[in-house]
Amino acid sequence: MSNLLYVVIPIGVFTIVGLLVGLKDRKPRSTESYVDEFNRQRAAMSAAKVIDADDQDRRAQAG
């Protein structure tokens, strides 16, 4: 029986740690989180367009 504990205890510890890591790293699934993610992506794309427009203006002025 004591030999079996050397197998069961590490399996239990790894299972608990695995569940904790999995729960910590999962994405939120609420509607609000989807809206926040969409707003972040939209802001990132609009910032990229502003940077591209500024680069085009600088190139037009330089050339």
C-alpha atoms as a PDB file:
ATOM      1  CA  MET A   1       0.000   0.000   0.000  1.00  0.00           C
ATOM      2  CA  SER A   2       2.788   2.457   0.827  1.00  0.00           C
ATOM      3  CA  ASN A   3       4.380   1.806  -2.583  1.00  0.00           C
ATOM      4  CA  LEU A   4       1.138   2.827  -4.214  1.00  0.00           C
ATOM      5  CA  LEU A   5       1.262   6.193  -2.422  1.00  0.00           C
ATOM      6  CA  TYR A   6       4.493   7.024  -4.291  1.00  0.00           C
ATOM      7  CA  VAL A   7       2.452   6.855  -7.479  1.00  0.00           C
ATOM      8  CA  VAL A   8      -0.886   8.279  -6.351  1.00  0.00           C
ATOM      9  CA  ILE A   9       0.459  11.381  -4.572  1.00  0.00           C
ATOM     10  CA  PRO A  10       2.489  12.725  -7.560  1.00  0.00           C
ATOM     11  CA  ILE A  11      -0.429  12.039  -9.913  1.00  0.00           C
ATOM     12  CA  GLY A  12      -2.725  13.984  -7.588  1.00  0.00           C
ATOM     13  CA  VAL A  13      -0.266  16.880  -7.275  1.00  0.00           C
ATOM     14  CA  PHE A  14       0.278  17.084 -11.055  1.00  0.00           C
ATOM     15  CA  THR A  15      -3.471  16.978 -11.650  1.00  0.00           C
ATOM     16  CA  ILE A  16      -4.156  19.815  -9.227  1.00  0.00           C
ATOM     17  CA  VAL A  17      -1.286  21.955 -10.587  1.00  0.00           C
ATOM     18  CA  GLY A  18      -2.408  21.275 -14.164  1.00  0.00           C
ATOM     19  CA  LEU A  19      -5.962  22.341 -13.387  1.00  0.00           C
ATOM     20  CA  LEU A  20      -4.778  25.515 -11.655  1.00  0.00           C
ATOM     21  CA  VAL A  21      -2.526  26.475 -14.569  1.00  0.00           C
ATOM     22  CA  GLY A  22      -5.282  25.704 -17.066  1.00  0.00           C
ATOM     23  CA  LEU A  23      -7.830  27.796 -15.190  1.00  0.00           C
ATOM     24  CA  LYS A  24      -5.385  30.675 -14.788  1.00  0.00           C
ATOM     25  CA  ASP A  25      -4.491  30.881 -18.478  1.00  0.00           C
ATOM     26  CA  ARG A  26      -7.942  30.438 -19.983  1.00  0.00           C
ATOM     27  CA  LYS A  27      -9.648  33.249 -21.826  1.00  0.00           C
ATOM     28  CA  PRO A  28     -12.717  34.875 -20.290  1.00  0.00           C
ATOM     29  CA  ARG A  29     -15.964  33.838 -21.965  1.00  0.00           C
ATOM     30  CA  SER A  30     -18.377  36.594 -21.028  1.00  0.00           C
ATOM     31  CA  THR A  31     -20.023  38.843 -23.581  1.00  0.00           C
ATOM     32  CA  GLU A  32     -18.239  41.819 -22.071  1.00  0.00           C
ATOM     33  CA  SER A  33     -14.840  40.187 -22.627  1.00  0.00           C
ATOM     34  CA  TYR A  34     -15.672  39.658 -26.318  1.00  0.00           C
ATOM     35  CA  VAL A  35     -16.628  43.326 -26.647  1.00  0.00           C
ATOM     36  CA  ASP A  36     -13.409  44.416 -24.904  1.00  0.00           C
ATOM     37  CA  GLU A  37     -11.321  42.197 -27.188  1.00  0.00           C
ATOM     38  CA  PHE A  38     -13.065  43.630 -30.254  1.00  0.00           C
ATOM     39  CA  ASN A  39     -12.424  47.194 -29.057  1.00  0.00           C
ATOM     40  CA  ARG A  40      -8.725  46.427 -28.471  1.00  0.00           C
ATOM     41  CA  GLN A  41      -8.374  44.990 -31.977  1.00  0.00           C
ATOM     42  CA  ARG A  42     -10.261  47.915 -33.501  1.00  0.00           C
ATOM     43  CA  ALA A  43      -8.042  50.400 -31.673  1.00  0.00           C
ATOM     44  CA  ALA A  44      -4.918  48.565 -32.803  1.00  0.00           C
ATOM     45  CA  MET A  45      -6.037  48.604 -36.427  1.00  0.00           C
ATOM     46  CA  SER A  46      -6.985  52.267 -36.344  1.00  0.00           C
ATOM     47  CA  ALA A  47      -3.612  53.125 -34.771  1.00  0.00           C
ATOM     48  CA  ALA A  48      -1.882  51.223 -37.570  1.00  0.00           C
ATOM     49  CA  LYS A  49      -3.836  53.214 -40.175  1.00  0.00           C
ATOM     50  CA  VAL A  50      -2.842  56.488 -38.513  1.00  0.00           C
ATOM     51  CA  ILE A  51       0.822  55.466 -38.507  1.00  0.00           C
ATOM     52  CA  ASP A  52       0.612  54.434 -42.178  1.00  0.00           C
ATOM     53  CA  ALA A  53      -1.041  57.747 -43.092  1.00  0.00           C
ATOM     54  CA  ASP A  54       1.681  59.671 -41.244  1.00  0.00           C
ATOM     55  CA  ASP A  55       4.370  57.710 -43.086  1.00  0.00           C
ATOM     56  CA  GLN A  56       2.738  58.445 -46.427  1.00  0.00           C
ATOM     57  CA  ASP A  57       2.562  62.163 -45.572  1.00  0.00           C
ATOM     58  CA  ARG A  58       6.244  62.211 -44.642  1.00  0.00           C
ATOM     59  CA  ARG A  59       7.198  60.402 -47.836  1.00  0.00           C
ATOM     60  CA  ALA A  60       5.154  62.838 -49.936  1.00  0.00           C
ATOM     61  CA  GLN A  61       6.820  65.816 -48.246  1.00  0.00           C
ATOM     62  CA  ALA A  62      10.316  64.323 -48.565  1.00  0.00           C
ATOM     63  CA  GLY A  63       9.918  63.174 -52.182  1.00  0.00           C
END
